[in-house]
């Protein structure tokens, strides 16, 4: 596990990464969970409602991009919030 600080409150966040699954956790809960495949397809992303809109999803994409060394893509179906994340990611690539 790797320890990172992702927000201004200096909350300790642990990164647990096993092939195909990336999880961010703190002392109390799973903040974020992502399933992916080795070709860079995001199969599923879950963000705990308390931690939405704080940059955790974007950070997870950067971690996966760095690990896989490829451009990511998103599998359907995509929720409305997932579509916002996809649009952000796609616009960053342009």
PDB file of N, CA and C in Angstrom:
ATOM      1  N   UNK A   1       0.835  -1.183   0.000  1.00  0.00           N
ATOM      2  CA  UNK A   1       0.000   0.000   0.000  1.00  0.00           C
ATOM      3  C   UNK A   1       0.875   1.240   0.000  1.00  0.00           C
ATOM      4  N   UNK A   2       0.380   2.260  -0.660  1.00  0.00           N
ATOM      5  CA  UNK A   2       1.059   3.551  -0.728  1.00  0.00           C
ATOM      6  C   UNK A   2       0.208   4.556   0.031  1.00  0.00           C
ATOM      7  N   UNK A   3       0.823   5.496   0.709  1.00  0.00           N
ATOM      8  CA  UNK A   3       0.110   6.530   1.452  1.00  0.00           C
ATOM      9  C   UNK A   3       0.270   7.850   0.712  1.00  0.00           C
ATOM     10  N   UNK A   4      -0.857   8.572   0.516  1.00  0.00           N
ATOM     11  CA  UNK A   4      -0.823   9.882  -0.132  1.00  0.00           C
ATOM     12  C   UNK A   4      -1.735  10.844   0.611  1.00  0.00           C
ATOM     13  N   UNK A   5      -1.517  12.120   0.429  1.00  0.00           N
ATOM     14  CA  UNK A   5      -2.421  13.163   0.916  1.00  0.00           C
ATOM     15  C   UNK A   5      -3.039  13.816  -0.302  1.00  0.00           C
ATOM     16  N   UNK A   6      -4.360  13.741  -0.415  1.00  0.00           N
ATOM     17  CA  UNK A   6      -5.039  14.248  -1.593  1.00  0.00           C
ATOM     18  C   UNK A   6      -5.797  15.542  -1.372  1.00  0.00           C
ATOM     19  N   UNK A   7      -6.004  15.932  -0.143  1.00  0.00           N
ATOM     20  CA  UNK A   7      -6.792  17.138   0.063  1.00  0.00           C
ATOM     21  C   UNK A   7      -6.129  18.077   1.062  1.00  0.00           C
ATOM     22  N   UNK A   8      -6.694  19.261   1.166  1.00  0.00           N
ATOM     23  CA  UNK A   8      -6.107  20.291   2.020  1.00  0.00           C
ATOM     24  C   UNK A   8      -6.259  19.981   3.505  1.00  0.00           C
ATOM     25  N   UNK A   9      -7.131  19.037   3.857  1.00  0.00           N
ATOM     26  CA  UNK A   9      -7.309  18.666   5.257  1.00  0.00           C
ATOM     27  C   UNK A   9      -6.233  17.698   5.734  1.00  0.00           C
ATOM     28  N   UNK A  10      -5.306  17.345   4.853  1.00  0.00           N
ATOM     29  CA  UNK A  10      -4.202  16.433   5.160  1.00  0.00           C
ATOM     30  C   UNK A  10      -4.700  15.073   5.635  1.00  0.00           C
ATOM     31  N   UNK A  11      -5.843  14.660   5.115  1.00  0.00           N
ATOM     32  CA  UNK A  11      -6.369  13.339   5.440  1.00  0.00           C
ATOM     33  C   UNK A  11      -5.460  12.274   4.820  1.00  0.00           C
ATOM     34  N   UNK A  12      -5.115  11.273   5.580  1.00  0.00           N
ATOM     35  CA  UNK A  12      -4.270  10.198   5.075  1.00  0.00           C
ATOM     36  C   UNK A  12      -5.124   9.250   4.252  1.00  0.00           C
ATOM     37  N   UNK A  13      -4.677   9.019   3.025  1.00  0.00           N
ATOM     38  CA  UNK A  13      -5.387   8.130   2.110  1.00  0.00           C
ATOM     39  C   UNK A  13      -4.425   7.035   1.685  1.00  0.00           C
ATOM     40  N   UNK A  14      -4.867   5.804   1.767  1.00  0.00           N
ATOM     41  CA  UNK A  14      -4.064   4.662   1.361  1.00  0.00           C
ATOM     42  C   UNK A  14      -4.490   4.203  -0.019  1.00  0.00           C
ATOM     43  N   UNK A  15      -3.522   3.896  -0.855  1.00  0.00           N
ATOM     44  CA  UNK A  15      -3.792   3.344  -2.182  1.00  0.00           C
ATOM     45  C   UNK A  15      -3.513   1.856  -2.119  1.00  0.00           C
ATOM     46  N   UNK A  16      -4.510   1.060  -2.405  1.00  0.00           N
ATOM     47  CA  UNK A  16      -4.349  -0.379  -2.481  1.00  0.00           C
ATOM     48  C   UNK A  16      -4.523  -0.760  -3.942  1.00  0.00           C
ATOM     49  N   UNK A  17      -3.483  -1.306  -4.547  1.00  0.00           N
ATOM     50  CA  UNK A  17      -3.513  -1.585  -5.978  1.00  0.00           C
ATOM     51  C   UNK A  17      -3.139  -3.041  -6.212  1.00  0.00           C
ATOM     52  N   UNK A  18      -4.098  -3.808  -6.716  1.00  0.00           N
ATOM     53  CA  UNK A  18      -3.839  -5.165  -7.176  1.00  0.00           C
ATOM     54  C   UNK A  18      -4.246  -5.192  -8.643  1.00  0.00           C
ATOM     55  N   UNK A  19      -3.730  -6.099  -9.436  1.00  0.00           N
ATOM     56  CA  UNK A  19      -4.073  -6.094 -10.867  1.00  0.00           C
ATOM     57  C   UNK A  19      -5.588  -6.073 -11.097  1.00  0.00           C
ATOM     58  N   UNK A  20      -6.020  -5.053 -11.816  1.00  0.00           N
ATOM     59  CA  UNK A  20      -7.429  -4.912 -12.175  1.00  0.00           C
ATOM     60  C   UNK A  20      -8.286  -4.145 -11.197  1.00  0.00           C
ATOM     61  N   UNK A  21      -7.755  -3.844 -10.019  1.00  0.00           N
ATOM     62  CA  UNK A  21      -8.542  -3.130  -9.005  1.00  0.00           C
ATOM     63  C   UNK A  21      -7.651  -2.111  -8.297  1.00  0.00           C
ATOM     64  N   UNK A  22      -8.144  -0.880  -8.239  1.00  0.00           N
ATOM     65  CA  UNK A  22      -7.472   0.184  -7.512  1.00  0.00           C
ATOM     66  C   UNK A  22      -8.452   0.726  -6.487  1.00  0.00           C
ATOM     67  N   UNK A  23      -8.032   0.793  -5.228  1.00  0.00           N
ATOM     68  CA  UNK A  23      -8.899   1.259  -4.150  1.00  0.00           C
ATOM     69  C   UNK A  23      -8.188   2.344  -3.363  1.00  0.00           C
ATOM     70  N   UNK A  24      -8.913   3.411  -3.056  1.00  0.00           N
ATOM     71  CA  UNK A  24      -8.412   4.453  -2.154  1.00  0.00           C
ATOM     72  C   UNK A  24      -9.235   4.361  -0.879  1.00  0.00           C
ATOM     73  N   UNK A  25      -8.549   4.262   0.253  1.00  0.00           N
ATOM     74  CA  UNK A  25      -9.250   4.136   1.529  1.00  0.00           C
ATOM     75  C   UNK A  25      -8.649   5.110   2.533  1.00  0.00           C
ATOM     76  N   UNK A  26      -9.465   5.480   3.528  1.00  0.00           N
ATOM     77  CA  UNK A  26      -8.937   6.235   4.660  1.00  0.00           C
ATOM     78  C   UNK A  26      -9.170   5.386   5.899  1.00  0.00           C
ATOM     79  N   UNK A  27      -9.033   5.959   7.060  1.00  0.00           N
ATOM     80  CA  UNK A  27      -9.160   5.187   8.299  1.00  0.00           C
ATOM     81  C   UNK A  27     -10.564   4.634   8.505  1.00  0.00           C
ATOM     82  N   UNK A  28     -11.573   5.237   7.859  1.00  0.00           N
ATOM     83  CA  UNK A  28     -12.959   4.864   8.134  1.00  0.00           C
ATOM     84  C   UNK A  28     -13.675   4.129   7.012  1.00  0.00           C
ATOM     85  N   UNK A  29     -13.298   4.363   5.762  1.00  0.00           N
ATOM     86  CA  UNK A  29     -14.126   3.853   4.679  1.00  0.00           C
ATOM     87  C   UNK A  29     -13.356   3.736   3.374  1.00  0.00           C
ATOM     88  N   UNK A  30     -13.958   3.038   2.427  1.00  0.00           N
ATOM     89  CA  UNK A  30     -13.453   3.047   1.063  1.00  0.00           C
ATOM     90  C   UNK A  30     -13.936   4.338   0.424  1.00  0.00           C
ATOM     91  N   UNK A  31     -13.006   5.154  -0.028  1.00  0.00           N
ATOM     92  CA  UNK A  31     -13.345   6.420  -0.665  1.00  0.00           C
ATOM     93  C   UNK A  31     -13.688   6.178  -2.134  1.00  0.00           C
ATOM     94  N   UNK A  32     -12.886   5.331  -2.741  1.00  0.00           N
ATOM     95  CA  UNK A  32     -13.013   5.145  -4.172  1.00  0.00           C
ATOM     96  C   UNK A  32     -12.555   3.754  -4.555  1.00  0.00           C
ATOM     97  N   UNK A  33     -13.182   3.243  -5.603  1.00  0.00           N
ATOM     98  CA  UNK A  33     -12.908   1.896  -6.076  1.00  0.00           C
ATOM     99  C   UNK A  33     -12.988   1.931  -7.594  1.00  0.00           C
ATOM    100  N   UNK A  34     -12.042   1.321  -8.258  1.00  0.00           N
ATOM    101  CA  UNK A  34     -12.048   1.295  -9.720  1.00  0.00           C
ATOM    102  C   UNK A  34     -11.627  -0.079 -10.211  1.00  0.00           C
ATOM    103  N   UNK A  35     -12.425  -0.630 -11.123  1.00  0.00           N
ATOM    104  CA  UNK A  35     -12.055  -1.863 -11.822  1.00  0.00           C
ATOM    105  C   UNK A  35     -11.644  -1.475 -13.225  1.00  0.00           C
ATOM    106  N   UNK A  36     -10.591  -2.099 -13.714  1.00  0.00           N
ATOM    107  CA  UNK A  36     -10.084  -1.780 -15.044  1.00  0.00           C
ATOM    108  C   UNK A  36      -9.436  -3.031 -15.620  1.00  0.00           C
ATOM    109  N   UNK A  37      -9.166  -2.998 -16.930  1.00  0.00           N
ATOM    110  CA  UNK A  37      -8.406  -4.097 -17.519  1.00  0.00           C
ATOM    111  C   UNK A  37      -7.067  -3.563 -18.017  1.00  0.00           C
ATOM    112  N   UNK A  38      -6.178  -4.447 -18.352  1.00  0.00           N
ATOM    113  CA  UNK A  38      -4.808  -4.071 -18.704  1.00  0.00           C
ATOM    114  C   UNK A  38      -4.700  -3.277 -20.007  1.00  0.00           C
ATOM    115  N   UNK A  39      -5.763  -3.259 -20.814  1.00  0.00           N
ATOM    116  CA  UNK A  39      -5.728  -2.451 -22.037  1.00  0.00           C
ATOM    117  C   UNK A  39      -6.167  -1.014 -21.776  1.00  0.00           C
ATOM    118  N   UNK A  40      -6.461  -0.678 -20.509  1.00  0.00           N
ATOM    119  CA  UNK A  40      -6.800   0.696 -20.152  1.00  0.00           C
ATOM    120  C   UNK A  40      -8.274   1.016 -20.167  1.00  0.00           C
ATOM    121  N   UNK A  41      -9.119   0.000 -20.230  1.00  0.00           N
ATOM    122  CA  UNK A  41     -10.565   0.241 -20.193  1.00  0.00           C
ATOM    123  C   UNK A  41     -11.036   0.288 -18.747  1.00  0.00           C
ATOM    124  N   UNK A  42     -11.703   1.373 -18.403  1.00  0.00           N
ATOM    125  CA  UNK A  42     -12.294   1.510 -17.076  1.00  0.00           C
ATOM    126  C   UNK A  42     -13.628   0.775 -17.115  1.00  0.00           C
ATOM    127  N   UNK A  43     -13.752  -0.250 -16.289  1.00  0.00           N
ATOM    128  CA  UNK A  43     -14.979  -1.039 -16.253  1.00  0.00           C
ATOM    129  C   UNK A  43     -15.998  -0.461 -15.274  1.00  0.00           C
ATOM    130  N   UNK A  44     -15.493   0.072 -14.150  1.00  0.00           N
ATOM    131  CA  UNK A  44     -16.394   0.560 -13.115  1.00  0.00           C
ATOM    132  C   UNK A  44     -15.632   1.492 -12.189  1.00  0.00           C
ATOM    133  N   UNK A  45     -16.247   2.608 -11.841  1.00  0.00           N
ATOM    134  CA  UNK A  45     -15.692   3.513 -10.831  1.00  0.00           C
ATOM    135  C   UNK A  45     -16.781   3.801  -9.814  1.00  0.00           C
ATOM    136  N   UNK A  46     -16.436   3.685  -8.541  1.00  0.00           N
ATOM    137  CA  UNK A  46     -17.342   4.038  -7.458  1.00  0.00           C
ATOM    138  C   UNK A  46     -16.655   5.087  -6.602  1.00  0.00           C
ATOM    139  N   UNK A  47     -17.354   6.179  -6.307  1.00  0.00           N
ATOM    140  CA  UNK A  47     -16.875   7.204  -5.392  1.00  0.00           C
ATOM    141  C   UNK A  47     -17.915   7.342  -4.280  1.00  0.00           C
ATOM    142  N   UNK A  48     -17.508   7.190  -3.037  1.00  0.00           N
ATOM    143  CA  UNK A  48     -18.420   7.380  -1.918  1.00  0.00           C
ATOM    144  C   UNK A  48     -19.023   8.784  -2.004  1.00  0.00           C
ATOM    145  N   UNK A  49     -20.319   8.910  -1.760  1.00  0.00           N
ATOM    146  CA  UNK A  49     -21.004  10.195  -1.947  1.00  0.00           C
ATOM    147  C   UNK A  49     -20.362  11.323  -1.143  1.00  0.00           C
ATOM    148  N   UNK A  50     -19.841  11.022   0.015  1.00  0.00           N
ATOM    149  CA  UNK A  50     -19.203  12.049   0.851  1.00  0.00           C
ATOM    150  C   UNK A  50     -17.936  12.613   0.198  1.00  0.00           C
ATOM    151  N   UNK A  51     -17.322  11.846  -0.705  1.00  0.00           N
ATOM    152  CA  UNK A  51     -16.046  12.239  -1.297  1.00  0.00           C
ATOM    153  C   UNK A  51     -16.167  12.648  -2.765  1.00  0.00           C
ATOM    154  N   UNK A  52     -17.372  12.807  -3.264  1.00  0.00           N
ATOM    155  CA  UNK A  52     -17.538  13.223  -4.649  1.00  0.00           C
ATOM    156  C   UNK A  52     -17.200  14.699  -4.808  1.00  0.00           C
ATOM    157  N   UNK A  53     -16.762  15.036  -6.040  1.00  0.00           N
ATOM    158  CA  UNK A  53     -16.436  16.405  -6.432  1.00  0.00           C
ATOM    159  C   UNK A  53     -15.282  17.005  -5.607  1.00  0.00           C
ATOM    160  N   UNK A  54     -14.347  16.138  -5.240  1.00  0.00           N
ATOM    161  CA  UNK A  54     -13.169  16.591  -4.500  1.00  0.00           C
ATOM    162  C   UNK A  54     -11.879  16.206  -5.214  1.00  0.00           C
ATOM    163  N   UNK A  55     -11.974  15.708  -6.442  1.00  0.00           N
ATOM    164  CA  UNK A  55     -10.794  15.394  -7.223  1.00  0.00           C
ATOM    165  C   UNK A  55     -10.275  13.971  -7.099  1.00  0.00           C
ATOM    166  N   UNK A  56     -10.945  13.145  -6.314  1.00  0.00           N
ATOM    167  CA  UNK A  56     -10.472  11.778  -6.133  1.00  0.00           C
ATOM    168  C   UNK A  56     -10.560  10.957  -7.424  1.00  0.00           C
ATOM    169  N   UNK A  57     -11.611  11.111  -8.189  1.00  0.00           N
ATOM    170  CA  UNK A  57     -11.749  10.347  -9.439  1.00  0.00           C
ATOM    171  C   UNK A  57     -10.651  10.733 -10.425  1.00  0.00           C
ATOM    172  N   UNK A  58     -10.380  12.021 -10.534  1.00  0.00           N
ATOM    173  CA  UNK A  58      -9.311  12.474 -11.432  1.00  0.00           C
ATOM    174  C   UNK A  58      -7.968  11.916 -10.984  1.00  0.00           C
ATOM    175  N   UNK A  59      -7.716  11.936  -9.680  1.00  0.00           N
ATOM    176  CA  UNK A  59      -6.458  11.408  -9.156  1.00  0.00           C
ATOM    177  C   UNK A  59      -6.340   9.915  -9.488  1.00  0.00           C
ATOM    178  N   UNK A  60      -7.438   9.188  -9.363  1.00  0.00           N
ATOM    179  CA  UNK A  60      -7.417   7.763  -9.671  1.00  0.00           C
ATOM    180  C   UNK A  60      -7.088   7.531 -11.146  1.00  0.00           C
ATOM    181  N   UNK A  61      -7.629   8.347 -12.032  1.00  0.00           N
ATOM    182  CA  UNK A  61      -7.318   8.211 -13.460  1.00  0.00           C
ATOM    183  C   UNK A  61      -5.837   8.456 -13.717  1.00  0.00           C
ATOM    184  N   UNK A  62      -5.254   9.453 -13.043  1.00  0.00           N
ATOM    185  CA  UNK A  62      -3.824   9.735 -13.210  1.00  0.00           C
ATOM    186  C   UNK A  62      -2.975   8.569 -12.707  1.00  0.00           C
ATOM    187  N   UNK A  63      -3.374   7.970 -11.585  1.00  0.00           N
ATOM    188  CA  UNK A  63      -2.651   6.818 -11.049  1.00  0.00           C
ATOM    189  C   UNK A  63      -2.706   5.659 -12.043  1.00  0.00           C
ATOM    190  N   UNK A  64      -3.891   5.397 -12.606  1.00  0.00           N
ATOM    191  CA  UNK A  64      -4.033   4.301 -13.571  1.00  0.00           C
ATOM    192  C   UNK A  64      -3.262   4.571 -14.854  1.00  0.00           C
ATOM    193  N   UNK A  65      -3.331   5.796 -15.333  1.00  0.00           N
ATOM    194  CA  UNK A  65      -2.594   6.165 -16.542  1.00  0.00           C
ATOM    195  C   UNK A  65      -1.092   5.933 -16.353  1.00  0.00           C
ATOM    196  N   UNK A  66      -0.600   6.337 -15.210  1.00  0.00           N
ATOM    197  CA  UNK A  66       0.818   6.163 -14.913  1.00  0.00           C
ATOM    198  C   UNK A  66       1.179   4.677 -14.800  1.00  0.00           C
ATOM    199  N   UNK A  67       0.314   3.908 -14.163  1.00  0.00           N
ATOM    200  CA  UNK A  67       0.566   2.477 -13.992  1.00  0.00           C
ATOM    201  C   UNK A  67       0.498   1.716 -15.319  1.00  0.00           C
ATOM    202  N   UNK A  68      -0.534   1.997 -16.115  1.00  0.00           N
ATOM    203  CA  UNK A  68      -0.743   1.257 -17.361  1.00  0.00           C
ATOM    204  C   UNK A  68       0.054   1.817 -18.531  1.00  0.00           C
ATOM    205  N   UNK A  69       0.476   3.077 -18.413  1.00  0.00           N
ATOM    206  CA  UNK A  69       1.225   3.754 -19.473  1.00  0.00           C
ATOM    207  C   UNK A  69       0.470   3.737 -20.810  1.00  0.00           C
ATOM    208  N   UNK A  70      -0.824   4.064 -20.725  1.00  0.00           N
ATOM    209  CA  UNK A  70      -1.638   4.164 -21.938  1.00  0.00           C
ATOM    210  C   UNK A  70      -2.810   5.099 -21.677  1.00  0.00           C
ATOM    211  N   UNK A  71      -3.455   5.495 -22.762  1.00  0.00           N
ATOM    212  CA  UNK A  71      -4.650   6.321 -22.683  1.00  0.00           C
ATOM    213  C   UNK A  71      -5.800   5.444 -22.194  1.00  0.00           C
ATOM    214  N   UNK A  72      -6.615   5.974 -21.307  1.00  0.00           N
ATOM    215  CA  UNK A  72      -7.729   5.215 -20.749  1.00  0.00           C
ATOM    216  C   UNK A  72      -8.978   5.386 -21.592  1.00  0.00           C
ATOM    217  N   UNK A  73      -9.873   4.420 -21.499  1.00  0.00           N
ATOM    218  CA  UNK A  73     -11.189   4.523 -22.136  1.00  0.00           C
ATOM    219  C   UNK A  73     -12.226   4.027 -21.133  1.00  0.00           C
ATOM    220  N   UNK A  74     -13.482   4.338 -21.382  1.00  0.00           N
ATOM    221  CA  UNK A  74     -14.560   4.029 -20.445  1.00  0.00           C
ATOM    222  C   UNK A  74     -15.560   3.081 -21.109  1.00  0.00           C
ATOM    223  N   UNK A  75     -15.884   1.991 -20.428  1.00  0.00           N
ATOM    224  CA  UNK A  75     -16.867   1.052 -20.950  1.00  0.00           C
ATOM    225  C   UNK A  75     -18.278   1.537 -20.628  1.00  0.00           C
ATOM    226  N   UNK A  76     -19.209   1.262 -21.537  1.00  0.00           N
ATOM    227  CA  UNK A  76     -20.618   1.569 -21.303  1.00  0.00           C
ATOM    228  C   UNK A  76     -21.193   0.495 -20.375  1.00  0.00           C
ATOM    229  N   UNK A  77     -22.250   0.793 -19.651  1.00  0.00           N
ATOM    230  CA  UNK A  77     -22.947   2.071 -19.560  1.00  0.00           C
ATOM    231  C   UNK A  77     -22.205   3.039 -18.644  1.00  0.00           C
ATOM    232  N   UNK A  78     -22.398   4.332 -18.885  1.00  0.00           N
ATOM    233  CA  UNK A  78     -21.751   5.368 -18.099  1.00  0.00           C
ATOM    234  C   UNK A  78     -22.833   6.240 -17.456  1.00  0.00           C
ATOM    235  N   UNK A  79     -22.734   6.419 -16.138  1.00  0.00           N
ATOM    236  CA  UNK A  79     -23.694   7.248 -15.408  1.00  0.00           C
ATOM    237  C   UNK A  79     -23.483   8.716 -15.777  1.00  0.00           C
ATOM    238  N   UNK A  80     -24.424   9.599 -15.416  1.00  0.00           N
ATOM    239  CA  UNK A  80     -24.228  11.031 -15.681  1.00  0.00           C
ATOM    240  C   UNK A  80     -22.952  11.595 -15.048  1.00  0.00           C
ATOM    241  N   UNK A  81     -22.657  11.227 -13.802  1.00  0.00           N
ATOM    242  CA  UNK A  81     -21.411  11.706 -13.184  1.00  0.00           C
ATOM    243  C   UNK A  81     -20.200  11.069 -13.860  1.00  0.00           C
ATOM    244  N   UNK A  82     -20.338   9.819 -14.259  1.00  0.00           N
ATOM    245  CA  UNK A  82     -19.261   9.154 -14.987  1.00  0.00           C
ATOM    246  C   UNK A  82     -19.002   9.828 -16.322  1.00  0.00           C
ATOM    247  N   UNK A  83     -20.054  10.299 -16.973  1.00  0.00           N
ATOM    248  CA  UNK A  83     -19.909  10.997 -18.249  1.00  0.00           C
ATOM    249  C   UNK A  83     -19.170  12.316 -18.062  1.00  0.00           C
ATOM    250  N   UNK A  84     -19.410  12.998 -16.946  1.00  0.00           N
ATOM    251  CA  UNK A  84     -18.668  14.227 -16.660  1.00  0.00           C
ATOM    252  C   UNK A  84     -17.177  13.929 -16.504  1.00  0.00           C
ATOM    253  N   UNK A  85     -16.860  12.840 -15.819  1.00  0.00           N
ATOM    254  CA  UNK A  85     -15.464  12.441 -15.651  1.00  0.00           C
ATOM    255  C   UNK A  85     -14.851  12.074 -16.991  1.00  0.00           C
ATOM    256  N   UNK A  86     -15.577  11.334 -17.804  1.00  0.00           N
ATOM    257  CA  UNK A  86     -15.098  10.955 -19.138  1.00  0.00           C
ATOM    258  C   UNK A  86     -14.849  12.188 -19.992  1.00  0.00           C
ATOM    259  N   UNK A  87     -15.784  13.131 -19.980  1.00  0.00           N
ATOM    260  CA  UNK A  87     -15.628  14.368 -20.768  1.00  0.00           C
ATOM    261  C   UNK A  87     -14.407  15.154 -20.301  1.00  0.00           C
ATOM    262  N   UNK A  88     -14.191  15.227 -18.984  1.00  0.00           N
ATOM    263  CA  UNK A  88     -12.998  15.894 -18.461  1.00  0.00           C
ATOM    264  C   UNK A  88     -11.746  15.198 -18.984  1.00  0.00           C
ATOM    265  N   UNK A  89     -11.716  13.883 -18.873  1.00  0.00           N
ATOM    266  CA  UNK A  89     -10.544  13.120 -19.286  1.00  0.00           C
ATOM    267  C   UNK A  89     -10.284  13.299 -20.779  1.00  0.00           C
ATOM    268  N   UNK A  90     -11.342  13.179 -21.589  1.00  0.00           N
ATOM    269  CA  UNK A  90     -11.197  13.317 -23.040  1.00  0.00           C
ATOM    270  C   UNK A  90     -10.713  14.722 -23.419  1.00  0.00           C
ATOM    271  N   UNK A  91     -11.229  15.756 -22.747  1.00  0.00           N
ATOM    272  CA  UNK A  91     -10.824  17.124 -23.076  1.00  0.00           C
ATOM    273  C   UNK A  91      -9.368  17.381 -22.691  1.00  0.00           C
ATOM    274  N   UNK A  92      -8.904  16.722 -21.675  1.00  0.00           N
ATOM    275  CA  UNK A  92      -7.518  16.855 -21.238  1.00  0.00           C
ATOM    276  C   UNK A  92      -6.553  16.283 -22.262  1.00  0.00           C
ATOM    277  N   UNK A  93      -7.016  15.310 -23.043  1.00  0.00           N
ATOM    278  CA  UNK A  93      -6.169  14.654 -24.026  1.00  0.00           C
ATOM    279  C   UNK A  93      -6.016  15.464 -25.306  1.00  0.00           C
ATOM    280  N   UNK A  94      -6.940  16.409 -25.538  1.00  0.00           N
ATOM    281  CA  UNK A  94      -6.911  17.186 -26.786  1.00  0.00           C
ATOM    282  C   UNK A  94      -5.814  18.211 -26.801  1.00  0.00           C
TER     283      UNK A  94
END
